[in-house]
C-alpha atoms as a PDB file:
ATOM      1  CA  MET A   1       0.000   0.000   0.000  1.00  0.00           C
ATOM      2  CA  ASN A   2       1.401   3.384  -0.989  1.00  0.00           C
ATOM      3  CA  GLN A   3       1.998   5.831   1.834  1.00  0.00           C
ATOM      4  CA  TRP A   4       3.719   9.195   2.164  1.00  0.00           C
ATOM      5  CA  TYR A   5       7.167   9.335   3.786  1.00  0.00           C
ATOM      6  CA  ALA A   6       9.292  12.341   4.745  1.00  0.00           C
ATOM      7  CA  ILE A   7      12.861  12.370   3.446  1.00  0.00           C
ATOM      8  CA  THR A   8      15.768  14.682   4.165  1.00  0.00           C
ATOM      9  CA  LEU A   9      17.709  16.341   1.369  1.00  0.00           C
ATOM     10  CA  LYS A  10      21.474  16.819   1.137  1.00  0.00           C
ATOM     11  CA  ALA A  11      21.246  19.949  -0.996  1.00  0.00           C
ATOM     12  CA  GLY A  12      18.522  21.725  -2.950  1.00  0.00           C
ATOM     13  CA  PRO A  13      15.298  19.898  -3.796  1.00  0.00           C
ATOM     14  CA  PHE A  14      15.512  19.909  -7.589  1.00  0.00           C
ATOM     15  CA  VAL A  15      18.078  17.147  -8.247  1.00  0.00           C
ATOM     16  CA  PRO A  16      16.412  14.606  -5.928  1.00  0.00           C
ATOM     17  CA  ALA A  17      12.966  15.589  -7.200  1.00  0.00           C
ATOM     18  CA  ARG A  18      13.979  14.946 -10.808  1.00  0.00           C
ATOM     19  CA  GLY A  19      15.659  11.641  -9.874  1.00  0.00           C
ATOM     20  CA  LEU A  20      12.636  10.402  -7.940  1.00  0.00           C
ATOM     21  CA  ARG A  21      10.218  11.407 -10.703  1.00  0.00           C
ATOM     22  CA  GLU A  22      12.366   9.601 -13.287  1.00  0.00           C
ATOM     23  CA  GLN A  23      12.043   6.451 -11.147  1.00  0.00           C
ATOM     24  CA  GLY A  24       8.250   6.817 -11.164  1.00  0.00           C
ATOM     25  CA  PHE A  25       7.698   8.146  -7.629  1.00  0.00           C
ATOM     26  CA  ARG A  26       5.212  10.875  -6.754  1.00  0.00           C
ATOM     27  CA  ILE A  27       6.749  13.646  -4.691  1.00  0.00           C
ATOM     28  CA  PHE A  28       5.384  16.622  -2.820  1.00  0.00           C
ATOM     29  CA  LEU A  29       7.362  19.757  -1.981  1.00  0.00           C
ATOM     30  CA  PRO A  30       5.109  21.911   0.221  1.00  0.00           C
ATOM     31  CA  LYS A  31       5.368  25.587  -0.636  1.00  0.00           C
ATOM     32  CA  ARG A  32       4.173  28.799   0.862  1.00  0.00           C
ATOM     33  CA  PHE A  33       3.662  31.985  -1.079  1.00  0.00           C
ATOM     34  CA  ILE A  34       4.886  35.476  -0.326  1.00  0.00           C
ATOM     35  CA  PRO A  35       3.880  38.620  -2.188  1.00  0.00           C
ATOM     36  CA  TYR A  36       6.663  40.469  -4.005  1.00  0.00           C
ATOM     37  CA  ARG A  37       7.194  43.046  -6.708  1.00  0.00           C
ATOM     38  CA  PRO A  38       9.694  42.161  -9.455  1.00  0.00           C
ATOM     39  CA  PRO A  39      12.690  44.526  -9.719  1.00  0.00           C
ATOM     40  CA  GLY A  40      12.046  47.341 -12.163  1.00  0.00           C
ATOM     41  CA  ASP A  41       8.297  46.721 -12.290  1.00  0.00           C
ATOM     42  CA  ALA A  42       6.677  48.363  -9.271  1.00  0.00           C
ATOM     43  CA  ARG A  43       3.200  47.984 -10.768  1.00  0.00           C
ATOM     44  CA  ARG A  44       3.112  44.185 -10.775  1.00  0.00           C
ATOM     45  CA  LEU A  45       2.517  42.181  -7.651  1.00  0.00           C
ATOM     46  CA  LEU A  46       3.264  38.462  -7.804  1.00  0.00           C
ATOM     47  CA  ALA A  47       3.028  35.442  -5.511  1.00  0.00           C
ATOM     48  CA  LYS A  48       6.502  33.958  -5.085  1.00  0.00           C
ATOM     49  CA  PRO A  49       6.691  30.299  -3.991  1.00  0.00           C
ATOM     50  CA  ILE A  50       9.230  29.306  -1.352  1.00  0.00           C
ATOM     51  CA  LEU A  51       9.694  25.935   0.331  1.00  0.00           C
ATOM     52  CA  ARG A  52       7.682  25.473   3.508  1.00  0.00           C
ATOM     53  CA  PHE A  53      10.110  22.869   4.907  1.00  0.00           C
ATOM     54  CA  ASP A  54      13.612  23.618   3.730  1.00  0.00           C
ATOM     55  CA  GLY A  55      15.641  20.402   3.473  1.00  0.00           C
ATOM     56  CA  TYR A  56      12.654  18.030   3.415  1.00  0.00           C
ATOM     57  CA  MET A  57      10.409  16.440   0.815  1.00  0.00           C
ATOM     58  CA  PHE A  58       7.554  13.940   0.842  1.00  0.00           C
ATOM     59  CA  VAL A  59       7.530  10.859  -1.386  1.00  0.00           C
ATOM     60  CA  LEU A  60       4.744   8.346  -2.032  1.00  0.00           C
ATOM     61  CA  ALA A  61       6.034   4.754  -1.848  1.00  0.00           C
ATOM     62  CA  ASP A  62       5.174   1.227  -0.753  1.00  0.00           C
ATOM     63  CA  TYR A  63       7.237   0.054   2.238  1.00  0.00           C
ATOM     64  CA  THR A  64       6.114  -3.582   1.912  1.00  0.00           C
ATOM     65  CA  THR A  65       7.502  -4.076  -1.615  1.00  0.00           C
ATOM     66  CA  GLY A  66      10.976  -2.718  -0.858  1.00  0.00           C
ATOM     67  CA  GLU A  67      10.549   0.500  -2.847  1.00  0.00           C
ATOM     68  CA  LEU A  68      12.362   2.518  -0.190  1.00  0.00           C
ATOM     69  CA  GLY A  69      15.863   1.328  -1.166  1.00  0.00           C
ATOM     70  CA  PRO A  70      15.967   3.172  -4.499  1.00  0.00           C
ATOM     71  CA  ILE A  71      14.695   6.318  -2.778  1.00  0.00           C
ATOM     72  CA  SER A  72      17.540   6.300  -0.248  1.00  0.00           C
ATOM     73  CA  ASN A  73      20.072   5.796  -3.044  1.00  0.00           C
ATOM     74  CA  THR A  74      18.778   8.636  -5.204  1.00  0.00           C
ATOM     75  CA  ARG A  75      21.285  11.441  -5.687  1.00  0.00           C
ATOM     76  CA  GLY A  76      20.656  14.294  -3.243  1.00  0.00           C
ATOM     77  CA  VAL A  77      18.506  12.286  -0.805  1.00  0.00           C
ATOM     78  CA  GLY A  78      19.855  12.199   2.753  1.00  0.00           C
ATOM     79  CA  GLY A  79      17.533   9.540   4.127  1.00  0.00           C
ATOM     80  CA  PHE A  80      14.154   8.911   5.663  1.00  0.00           C
ATOM     81  CA  VAL A  81      12.668  10.501   8.760  1.00  0.00           C
ATOM     82  CA  PRO A  82      13.321   9.003  11.290  1.00  0.00           C
ATOM     83  CA  GLN A  83      16.819   7.903  10.347  1.00  0.00           C
ATOM     84  CA  TYR A  84      18.036   4.282  10.231  1.00  0.00           C
ATOM     85  CA  PRO A  85      17.866   1.815  12.101  1.00  0.00           C
ATOM     86  CA  ALA A  86      14.227   2.660  12.903  1.00  0.00           C
ATOM     87  CA  ALA A  87      11.680   1.983  10.171  1.00  0.00           C
ATOM     88  CA  PRO A  88      10.520   5.135   8.374  1.00  0.00           C
ATOM     89  CA  TYR A  89       7.325   6.516   9.799  1.00  0.00           C
ATOM     90  CA  PRO A  90       4.516   6.995   7.235  1.00  0.00           C
ATOM     91  CA  ILE A  91       2.904  10.414   7.144  1.00  0.00           C
ATOM     92  CA  PRO A  92      -0.913  10.223   7.307  1.00  0.00           C
ATOM     93  CA  ALA A  93      -2.561  11.163   3.998  1.00  0.00           C
ATOM     94  CA  ASP A  94      -4.758  13.775   5.713  1.00  0.00           C
ATOM     95  CA  VAL A  95      -1.621  15.680   6.808  1.00  0.00           C
ATOM     96  CA  ILE A  96      -0.482  15.855   3.175  1.00  0.00           C
ATOM     97  CA  GLU A  97      -3.967  16.980   2.112  1.00  0.00           C
ATOM     98  CA  ASP A  98      -3.948  19.691   4.799  1.00  0.00           C
ATOM     99  CA  LEU A  99      -0.571  20.932   3.521  1.00  0.00           C
ATOM    100  CA  ARG A 100      -1.893  21.006  -0.049  1.00  0.00           C
ATOM    101  CA  ALA A 101      -5.021  22.876   1.062  1.00  0.00           C
ATOM    102  CA  ALA A 102      -2.960  25.447   2.995  1.00  0.00           C
ATOM    103  CA  GLU A 103      -0.761  25.942  -0.076  1.00  0.00           C
ATOM    104  CA  ASP A 104      -3.781  26.535  -2.322  1.00  0.00           C
ATOM    105  CA  GLU A 105      -5.410  28.845   0.222  1.00  0.00           C
ATOM    106  CA  GLU A 106      -2.288  31.022   0.563  1.00  0.00           C
ATOM    107  CA  TYR A 107      -1.884  31.316  -3.204  1.00  0.00           C
ATOM    108  CA  LEU A 108      -5.533  32.191  -3.741  1.00  0.00           C
ATOM    109  CA  SER A 109      -5.463  34.702  -0.897  1.00  0.00           C
ATOM    110  CA  ILE A 110      -2.617  36.608  -2.540  1.00  0.00           C
ATOM    111  CA  THR A 111      -3.898  36.388  -6.108  1.00  0.00           C
ATOM    112  CA  GLU A 112      -7.457  37.337  -5.137  1.00  0.00           C
ATOM    113  CA  ARG A 113      -6.257  40.514  -3.476  1.00  0.00           C
ATOM    114  CA  MET A 114      -4.042  41.325  -6.471  1.00  0.00           C
ATOM    115  CA  PHE A 115      -6.855  41.280  -9.021  1.00  0.00           C
ATOM    116  CA  LEU A 116      -9.762  42.866  -7.182  1.00  0.00           C
ATOM    117  CA  LYS A 117     -11.524  45.496  -9.278  1.00  0.00           C
ATOM    118  CA  THR A 118     -13.303  47.011  -6.307  1.00  0.00           C
ATOM    119  CA  SER A 119     -11.670  48.056  -3.069  1.00  0.00           C
ATOM    120  CA  PRO A 120     -11.385  45.297  -0.475  1.00  0.00           C
ATOM    121  CA  TYR A 121     -11.753  48.052   2.132  1.00  0.00           C
ATOM    122  CA  PRO A 122     -14.686  50.504   2.081  1.00  0.00           C
ATOM    123  CA  LEU A 123     -13.737  54.165   1.688  1.00  0.00           C
ATOM    124  CA  GLY A 124     -13.213  55.745   5.088  1.00  0.00           C
ATOM    125  CA  SER A 125     -12.744  52.414   6.850  1.00  0.00           C
ATOM    126  CA  LYS A 126      -9.962  52.011   9.399  1.00  0.00           C
ATOM    127  CA  VAL A 127      -7.050  49.753   8.390  1.00  0.00           C
ATOM    128  CA  ARG A 128      -3.823  48.558   9.944  1.00  0.00           C
ATOM    129  CA  VAL A 129      -0.820  48.949   7.631  1.00  0.00           C
ATOM    130  CA  MET A 130       2.012  46.467   8.220  1.00  0.00           C
ATOM    131  CA  ARG A 131       5.408  46.943   6.580  1.00  0.00           C
ATOM    132  CA  GLY A 132       8.018  44.643   8.016  1.00  0.00           C
ATOM    133  CA  THR A 133       7.964  45.188  11.767  1.00  0.00           C
ATOM    134  CA  GLU A 134       6.310  48.619  11.477  1.00  0.00           C
ATOM    135  CA  GLU A 135       2.582  48.853  12.125  1.00  0.00           C
ATOM    136  CA  VAL A 136       0.464  52.021  11.746  1.00  0.00           C
ATOM    137  CA  TYR A 137      -3.254  52.756  11.541  1.00  0.00           C
ATOM    138  CA  GLY A 138      -5.063  54.931   9.030  1.00  0.00           C
ATOM    139  CA  HIS A 139      -8.227  55.440   6.980  1.00  0.00           C
ATOM    140  CA  VAL A 140      -8.837  54.402   3.358  1.00  0.00           C
ATOM    141  CA  LEU A 141      -9.149  57.304   0.921  1.00  0.00           C
ATOM    142  CA  ALA A 142      -8.999  55.576  -2.488  1.00  0.00           C
ATOM    143  CA  TYR A 143      -8.235  52.316  -4.298  1.00  0.00           C
ATOM    144  CA  ARG A 144      -6.038  51.789  -7.385  1.00  0.00           C
ATOM    145  CA  PRO A 145      -7.088  48.425  -8.894  1.00  0.00           C
ATOM    146  CA  ASN A 146      -4.453  48.492 -11.654  1.00  0.00           C
ATOM    147  CA  ARG A 147      -1.738  48.516  -8.974  1.00  0.00           C
ATOM    148  CA  ALA A 148      -3.621  46.673  -6.190  1.00  0.00           C
ATOM    149  CA  GLU A 149      -2.918  49.630  -3.898  1.00  0.00           C
ATOM    150  CA  VAL A 150      -4.950  51.471  -1.320  1.00  0.00           C
ATOM    151  CA  GLN A 151      -4.486  55.170  -0.572  1.00  0.00           C
ATOM    152  CA  VAL A 152      -4.423  55.562   3.199  1.00  0.00           C
ATOM    153  CA  LEU A 153      -4.440  58.658   5.410  1.00  0.00           C
ATOM    154  CA  VAL A 154      -1.963  57.991   8.231  1.00  0.00           C
ATOM    155  CA  GLY A 155      -1.872  60.921  10.642  1.00  0.00           C
ATOM    156  CA  SER A 156      -1.387  63.903   8.332  1.00  0.00           C
ATOM    157  CA  ALA A 157       0.371  61.894   5.593  1.00  0.00           C
ATOM    158  CA  VAL A 158      -1.230  60.211   2.601  1.00  0.00           C
ATOM    159  CA  VAL A 159       0.485  56.993   1.486  1.00  0.00           C
ATOM    160  CA  PHE A 160      -0.138  54.305  -1.122  1.00  0.00           C
ATOM    161  CA  VAL A 161       0.247  50.772   0.189  1.00  0.00           C
ATOM    162  CA  SER A 162      -0.289  47.319  -1.298  1.00  0.00           C
ATOM    163  CA  VAL A 163      -3.570  45.640  -0.376  1.00  0.00           C
ATOM    164  CA  LEU A 164      -1.387  42.825   0.975  1.00  0.00           C
ATOM    165  CA  GLU A 165       0.045  45.177   3.591  1.00  0.00           C
ATOM    166  CA  CYS A 166      -3.392  46.246   4.877  1.00  0.00           C
ATOM    167  CA  GLN A 167      -5.756  44.619   7.291  1.00  0.00           C
ATOM    168  CA  ALA A 168      -9.255  45.807   8.179  1.00  0.00           C
ATOM    169  CA  VAL A 169      -9.782  46.993  11.743  1.00  0.00           C
ATOM    170  CA  GLU A 170     -13.221  47.038  13.282  1.00  0.00           C
ATOM    171  CA  GLU A 171     -14.195  50.326  14.821  1.00  0.00           C
ATOM    172  CA  GLN A 172     -15.062  49.990  18.496  1.00  0.00           C
ATOM    173  CA  LYS A 173     -18.422  51.533  19.261  1.00  0.00           C
ATOM    174  CA  GLU A 174     -18.759  53.630  22.325  1.00  0.00           C
ATOM    175  CA  VAL A 175     -21.176  52.212  24.867  1.00  0.00           C
ATOM    176  CA  ALA A 176     -23.121  54.677  26.947  1.00  0.00           C
ATOM    177  CA  HIS A 177     -22.879  53.928  30.634  1.00  0.00           C
ATOM    178  CA  VAL A 178     -26.046  54.533  32.575  1.00  0.00           C
END
């Protein structure tokens, strides 16, 4: 019965991935996506994939038929998790499905916000702007769909920020005390 196994990598993932695919194995390299702007093109906003688990990969194999030997001997593969002499521990299929779902959700979250034609934040609404470790609050003045940017009034300054750097903040309503 085929099950997923975690393997360690000696170097980058591309050589072992190609070798395992050539041998007929299915592999899975979980990714996460970060928003970035390509150099020289400040208008475009892209989702850049990076490895979620650097130095690890998942491979679908059958332990009972002895398929694990060729995997261990593939160029660039360090070994199974846990390491020898213990038998490799199979990863439950629902864990792999959860990783795939998280990957899809992250990608869609970024791409949805990049291509919105209407503002994701109502005009005048309060937003939190996060750039690196800096966090400020402001109010939405306008939306530029061609650049996926929101114009925000922060204090007395007006700034344009990516929709990916904004987060809606709910206004707290004052409660009258009797």
